[in-house]
Amino acid sequence: MGLLGGNDLKEQQKINELEIKINREKQKLDKKLTRQKILLGAFLVDALENDAVEGLKKYTADNLLDFLSRHTDKELMADLVKELGSTVKTKTDSDSSQGNKLG
């Protein structure tokens, strides 16, 4: 090494170490965000399965496939959407079932 650039190697090592630290922190953040999405998904699945929120099944059945952009994701969720759509209680369904109970 000459007079110029003698510290370049040390500075490059510092930069490399900092980039490694940044990547580790990004990975931690990605894992945290993924876990949050999984927990939120589990919460919503529970709400859907228990019909806990009025209109949530219908809203999900009507909008989930439009929300998804990848064809493979749409294929993956198609059966779920079909099942949700078939379990949505419409006003006429509930009216006719009450009529059957009374009649």
N, C-alpha and C. Protein backbone atom coordinates (compact mmCIF):
# COMPACT_ATOMS: atom_id res chain seq x y z
N MET A 1 0.84 -1.18 0.00
CA MET A 1 0.00 0.00 0.00
C MET A 1 0.88 1.24 0.00
N GLY A 2 0.42 2.21 -0.69
CA GLY A 2 1.16 3.46 -0.75
C GLY A 2 0.71 4.40 0.35
N LEU A 3 1.13 5.62 0.22
CA LEU A 3 0.75 6.63 1.20
C LEU A 3 -0.75 6.92 1.17
N LEU A 4 -1.27 6.87 -0.03
CA LEU A 4 -2.70 7.13 -0.18
C LEU A 4 -3.47 5.81 -0.08
N GLY A 5 -4.60 5.82 0.57
CA GLY A 5 -5.46 4.64 0.62
C GLY A 5 -5.07 3.61 1.67
N GLY A 6 -4.19 3.93 2.58
CA GLY A 6 -3.80 2.99 3.61
C GLY A 6 -4.93 2.64 4.56
N ASN A 7 -5.81 3.58 4.81
CA ASN A 7 -6.94 3.36 5.71
C ASN A 7 -8.17 2.83 4.99
N ASP A 8 -8.12 2.75 3.68
CA ASP A 8 -9.29 2.31 2.90
C ASP A 8 -9.75 0.91 3.30
N LEU A 9 -8.81 0.01 3.54
CA LEU A 9 -9.17 -1.37 3.89
C LEU A 9 -9.92 -1.40 5.22
N LYS A 10 -9.44 -0.65 6.21
CA LYS A 10 -10.12 -0.59 7.51
C LYS A 10 -11.51 0.02 7.38
N GLU A 11 -11.60 1.07 6.59
CA GLU A 11 -12.90 1.72 6.40
C GLU A 11 -13.87 0.79 5.68
N GLN A 12 -13.36 0.03 4.70
CA GLN A 12 -14.21 -0.91 3.98
C GLN A 12 -14.68 -2.02 4.92
N GLN A 13 -13.82 -2.47 5.82
CA GLN A 13 -14.21 -3.48 6.81
C GLN A 13 -15.31 -2.95 7.72
N LYS A 14 -15.18 -1.70 8.14
CA LYS A 14 -16.21 -1.09 8.99
C LYS A 14 -17.54 -1.02 8.25
N ILE A 15 -17.47 -0.63 6.99
CA ILE A 15 -18.69 -0.55 6.18
C ILE A 15 -19.32 -1.93 6.06
N ASN A 16 -18.53 -2.95 5.79
CA ASN A 16 -19.04 -4.32 5.68
C ASN A 16 -19.70 -4.78 6.97
N GLU A 17 -19.06 -4.48 8.11
CA GLU A 17 -19.62 -4.86 9.41
C GLU A 17 -20.96 -4.15 9.65
N LEU A 18 -21.03 -2.88 9.30
CA LEU A 18 -22.27 -2.13 9.47
C LEU A 18 -23.38 -2.67 8.55
N GLU A 19 -23.02 -3.04 7.32
CA GLU A 19 -24.01 -3.62 6.42
C GLU A 19 -24.54 -4.95 6.96
N ILE A 20 -23.66 -5.75 7.58
CA ILE A 20 -24.09 -7.01 8.19
C ILE A 20 -25.07 -6.73 9.34
N LYS A 21 -24.75 -5.73 10.16
CA LYS A 21 -25.65 -5.37 11.27
C LYS A 21 -27.00 -4.88 10.75
N ILE A 22 -26.96 -4.07 9.70
CA ILE A 22 -28.20 -3.56 9.11
C ILE A 22 -29.04 -4.73 8.60
N ASN A 23 -28.43 -5.67 7.91
CA ASN A 23 -29.16 -6.81 7.38
C ASN A 23 -29.77 -7.66 8.50
N ARG A 24 -29.04 -7.84 9.59
CA ARG A 24 -29.57 -8.58 10.74
C ARG A 24 -30.81 -7.89 11.30
N GLU A 25 -30.73 -6.57 11.44
CA GLU A 25 -31.87 -5.81 11.97
C GLU A 25 -33.06 -5.87 11.01
N LYS A 26 -32.79 -5.83 9.70
CA LYS A 26 -33.87 -5.96 8.72
C LYS A 26 -34.54 -7.33 8.84
N GLN A 27 -33.74 -8.37 9.03
CA GLN A 27 -34.29 -9.71 9.19
C GLN A 27 -35.16 -9.81 10.44
N LYS A 28 -34.71 -9.20 11.54
CA LYS A 28 -35.50 -9.20 12.77
C LYS A 28 -36.84 -8.49 12.55
N LEU A 29 -36.79 -7.36 11.86
CA LEU A 29 -38.01 -6.60 11.59
C LEU A 29 -38.94 -7.40 10.68
N ASP A 30 -38.39 -8.04 9.65
CA ASP A 30 -39.21 -8.87 8.75
C ASP A 30 -39.89 -10.00 9.52
N LYS A 31 -39.15 -10.64 10.42
CA LYS A 31 -39.73 -11.72 11.22
C LYS A 31 -40.85 -11.19 12.11
N LYS A 32 -40.64 -10.02 12.69
CA LYS A 32 -41.65 -9.42 13.55
C LYS A 32 -42.92 -9.11 12.75
N LEU A 33 -42.75 -8.51 11.58
CA LEU A 33 -43.90 -8.18 10.74
C LEU A 33 -44.63 -9.44 10.27
N THR A 34 -43.88 -10.47 9.93
CA THR A 34 -44.49 -11.73 9.52
C THR A 34 -45.30 -12.32 10.66
N ARG A 35 -44.75 -12.31 11.85
CA ARG A 35 -45.47 -12.84 13.01
C ARG A 35 -46.74 -12.05 13.27
N GLN A 36 -46.67 -10.73 13.15
CA GLN A 36 -47.87 -9.90 13.33
C GLN A 36 -48.94 -10.27 12.31
N LYS A 37 -48.54 -10.49 11.06
CA LYS A 37 -49.50 -10.85 10.02
C LYS A 37 -50.12 -12.22 10.30
N ILE A 38 -49.32 -13.15 10.76
CA ILE A 38 -49.83 -14.48 11.09
C ILE A 38 -50.84 -14.40 12.23
N LEU A 39 -50.51 -13.65 13.27
CA LEU A 39 -51.42 -13.52 14.41
C LEU A 39 -52.71 -12.81 14.01
N LEU A 40 -52.60 -11.77 13.20
CA LEU A 40 -53.80 -11.08 12.72
C LEU A 40 -54.64 -12.02 11.87
N GLY A 41 -53.99 -12.80 11.02
CA GLY A 41 -54.71 -13.77 10.20
C GLY A 41 -55.44 -14.79 11.04
N ALA A 42 -54.78 -15.29 12.08
CA ALA A 42 -55.41 -16.27 12.97
C ALA A 42 -56.61 -15.66 13.67
N PHE A 43 -56.48 -14.41 14.08
CA PHE A 43 -57.58 -13.71 14.73
C PHE A 43 -58.78 -13.59 13.77
N LEU A 44 -58.50 -13.21 12.53
CA LEU A 44 -59.59 -13.05 11.55
C LEU A 44 -60.21 -14.39 11.18
N VAL A 45 -59.40 -15.44 11.07
CA VAL A 45 -59.94 -16.77 10.79
C VAL A 45 -60.88 -17.19 11.91
N ASP A 46 -60.48 -16.94 13.14
CA ASP A 46 -61.33 -17.27 14.28
C ASP A 46 -62.65 -16.49 14.20
N ALA A 47 -62.57 -15.21 13.87
CA ALA A 47 -63.78 -14.39 13.75
C ALA A 47 -64.67 -14.91 12.62
N LEU A 48 -64.06 -15.34 11.52
CA LEU A 48 -64.84 -15.88 10.41
C LEU A 48 -65.49 -17.21 10.78
N GLU A 49 -64.71 -18.10 11.40
CA GLU A 49 -65.23 -19.42 11.76
C GLU A 49 -66.38 -19.32 12.77
N ASN A 50 -66.29 -18.37 13.67
CA ASN A 50 -67.31 -18.23 14.71
C ASN A 50 -68.39 -17.21 14.34
N ASP A 51 -68.31 -16.69 13.12
CA ASP A 51 -69.26 -15.69 12.65
C ASP A 51 -69.42 -14.59 13.70
N ALA A 52 -68.28 -14.11 14.22
CA ALA A 52 -68.27 -13.17 15.34
C ALA A 52 -68.56 -11.73 14.93
N VAL A 53 -68.35 -11.41 13.67
CA VAL A 53 -68.56 -10.04 13.22
C VAL A 53 -69.57 -10.05 12.08
N GLU A 54 -70.69 -9.41 12.31
CA GLU A 54 -71.75 -9.41 11.30
C GLU A 54 -71.23 -8.80 9.99
N GLY A 55 -71.40 -9.52 8.91
CA GLY A 55 -71.00 -9.04 7.60
C GLY A 55 -69.58 -9.37 7.20
N LEU A 56 -68.77 -9.87 8.13
CA LEU A 56 -67.37 -10.15 7.81
C LEU A 56 -67.24 -11.28 6.80
N LYS A 57 -68.05 -12.32 6.94
CA LYS A 57 -67.97 -13.43 5.98
C LYS A 57 -68.32 -12.95 4.59
N LYS A 58 -69.40 -12.20 4.47
CA LYS A 58 -69.82 -11.71 3.16
C LYS A 58 -68.77 -10.78 2.58
N TYR A 59 -68.27 -9.87 3.38
CA TYR A 59 -67.26 -8.93 2.92
C TYR A 59 -66.03 -9.69 2.42
N THR A 60 -65.60 -10.67 3.19
CA THR A 60 -64.42 -11.45 2.81
C THR A 60 -64.68 -12.23 1.52
N ALA A 61 -65.83 -12.89 1.45
CA ALA A 61 -66.17 -13.67 0.26
C ALA A 61 -66.26 -12.77 -0.97
N ASP A 62 -66.78 -11.56 -0.80
CA ASP A 62 -66.96 -10.64 -1.92
C ASP A 62 -65.67 -9.95 -2.36
N ASN A 63 -64.70 -9.79 -1.46
CA ASN A 63 -63.55 -8.93 -1.76
C ASN A 63 -62.17 -9.58 -1.72
N LEU A 64 -62.06 -10.76 -1.13
CA LEU A 64 -60.73 -11.33 -0.94
C LEU A 64 -60.01 -11.59 -2.27
N LEU A 65 -60.70 -12.20 -3.22
CA LEU A 65 -60.03 -12.52 -4.48
C LEU A 65 -59.62 -11.27 -5.25
N ASP A 66 -60.39 -10.21 -5.14
CA ASP A 66 -60.02 -8.95 -5.79
C ASP A 66 -58.80 -8.31 -5.10
N PHE A 67 -58.67 -8.53 -3.81
CA PHE A 67 -57.54 -8.00 -3.06
C PHE A 67 -56.24 -8.67 -3.47
N LEU A 68 -56.30 -9.96 -3.76
CA LEU A 68 -55.10 -10.71 -4.12
C LEU A 68 -54.67 -10.38 -5.55
N SER A 69 -53.37 -10.30 -5.77
CA SER A 69 -52.90 -9.95 -7.10
C SER A 69 -52.28 -11.15 -7.84
N ARG A 70 -51.70 -12.08 -7.12
CA ARG A 70 -51.07 -13.24 -7.76
C ARG A 70 -52.11 -14.31 -8.08
N HIS A 71 -52.00 -14.85 -9.28
CA HIS A 71 -52.92 -15.90 -9.70
C HIS A 71 -52.84 -17.11 -8.77
N THR A 72 -51.62 -17.47 -8.36
CA THR A 72 -51.47 -18.64 -7.47
C THR A 72 -52.12 -18.39 -6.12
N ASP A 73 -52.08 -17.15 -5.63
CA ASP A 73 -52.74 -16.82 -4.36
C ASP A 73 -54.26 -16.92 -4.51
N LYS A 74 -54.77 -16.46 -5.64
CA LYS A 74 -56.21 -16.54 -5.89
C LYS A 74 -56.65 -18.01 -5.95
N GLU A 75 -55.85 -18.84 -6.60
CA GLU A 75 -56.18 -20.27 -6.66
C GLU A 75 -56.16 -20.88 -5.26
N LEU A 76 -55.18 -20.48 -4.46
CA LEU A 76 -55.05 -21.00 -3.11
C LEU A 76 -56.26 -20.66 -2.25
N MET A 77 -56.81 -19.47 -2.43
CA MET A 77 -57.89 -19.00 -1.57
C MET A 77 -59.29 -19.24 -2.16
N ALA A 78 -59.37 -19.75 -3.39
CA ALA A 78 -60.66 -19.90 -4.06
C ALA A 78 -61.62 -20.79 -3.28
N ASP A 79 -61.14 -21.93 -2.77
CA ASP A 79 -62.02 -22.82 -2.01
C ASP A 79 -62.53 -22.16 -0.74
N LEU A 80 -61.66 -21.42 -0.06
CA LEU A 80 -62.07 -20.72 1.15
C LEU A 80 -63.16 -19.70 0.83
N VAL A 81 -62.97 -18.94 -0.23
CA VAL A 81 -63.96 -17.93 -0.62
C VAL A 81 -65.28 -18.60 -0.97
N LYS A 82 -65.20 -19.72 -1.69
CA LYS A 82 -66.43 -20.45 -2.05
C LYS A 82 -67.14 -20.92 -0.78
N GLU A 83 -66.39 -21.45 0.17
CA GLU A 83 -66.98 -21.92 1.43
C GLU A 83 -67.60 -20.76 2.21
N LEU A 84 -66.88 -19.65 2.28
CA LEU A 84 -67.41 -18.48 2.98
C LEU A 84 -68.70 -18.00 2.33
N GLY A 85 -68.70 -17.95 1.00
CA GLY A 85 -69.88 -17.50 0.28
C GLY A 85 -71.08 -18.39 0.51
N SER A 86 -70.83 -19.69 0.67
CA SER A 86 -71.94 -20.61 0.88
C SER A 86 -72.45 -20.59 2.32
N THR A 87 -71.66 -20.07 3.24
CA THR A 87 -72.09 -20.03 4.64
C THR A 87 -72.65 -18.67 5.04
N VAL A 88 -72.61 -17.71 4.11
CA VAL A 88 -73.13 -16.38 4.42
C VAL A 88 -74.65 -16.48 4.52
N LYS A 89 -75.17 -16.01 5.64
CA LYS A 89 -76.63 -16.00 5.84
C LYS A 89 -77.18 -14.72 5.24
N THR A 90 -78.02 -14.86 4.27
CA THR A 90 -78.65 -13.68 3.69
C THR A 90 -79.97 -13.42 4.41
N LYS A 91 -80.52 -12.26 4.20
CA LYS A 91 -81.77 -11.90 4.86
C LYS A 91 -82.88 -12.87 4.46
N THR A 92 -82.92 -13.25 3.20
CA THR A 92 -83.98 -14.16 2.76
C THR A 92 -83.77 -15.55 3.34
N ASP A 93 -82.51 -15.97 3.52
CA ASP A 93 -82.25 -17.27 4.15
C ASP A 93 -82.78 -17.29 5.57
N SER A 94 -82.47 -16.24 6.32
CA SER A 94 -82.90 -16.22 7.72
C SER A 94 -84.42 -16.06 7.81
N ASP A 95 -85.02 -15.29 6.87
CA ASP A 95 -86.47 -15.14 6.87
C ASP A 95 -87.14 -16.47 6.57
N SER A 96 -86.63 -17.20 5.59
CA SER A 96 -87.27 -18.48 5.23
C SER A 96 -87.06 -19.52 6.32
N SER A 97 -85.92 -19.49 6.99
CA SER A 97 -85.72 -20.47 8.07
C SER A 97 -86.63 -20.17 9.26
N GLN A 98 -86.85 -18.88 9.51
CA GLN A 98 -87.77 -18.53 10.59
C GLN A 98 -89.20 -18.91 10.20
N GLY A 99 -89.54 -18.74 8.93
CA GLY A 99 -90.86 -19.12 8.46
C GLY A 99 -91.07 -20.61 8.59
N ASN A 100 -90.01 -21.40 8.34
CA ASN A 100 -90.13 -22.84 8.47
C ASN A 100 -90.31 -23.25 9.93
N LYS A 101 -89.67 -22.53 10.81
CA LYS A 101 -89.80 -22.85 12.24
C LYS A 101 -91.20 -22.55 12.75
N LEU A 102 -91.75 -21.45 12.24
CA LEU A 102 -93.06 -21.03 12.71
C LEU A 102 -94.19 -21.79 12.03
N GLY A 103 -93.97 -22.21 10.81
CA GLY A 103 -95.04 -22.81 10.03
C GLY A 103 -95.11 -24.24 10.20
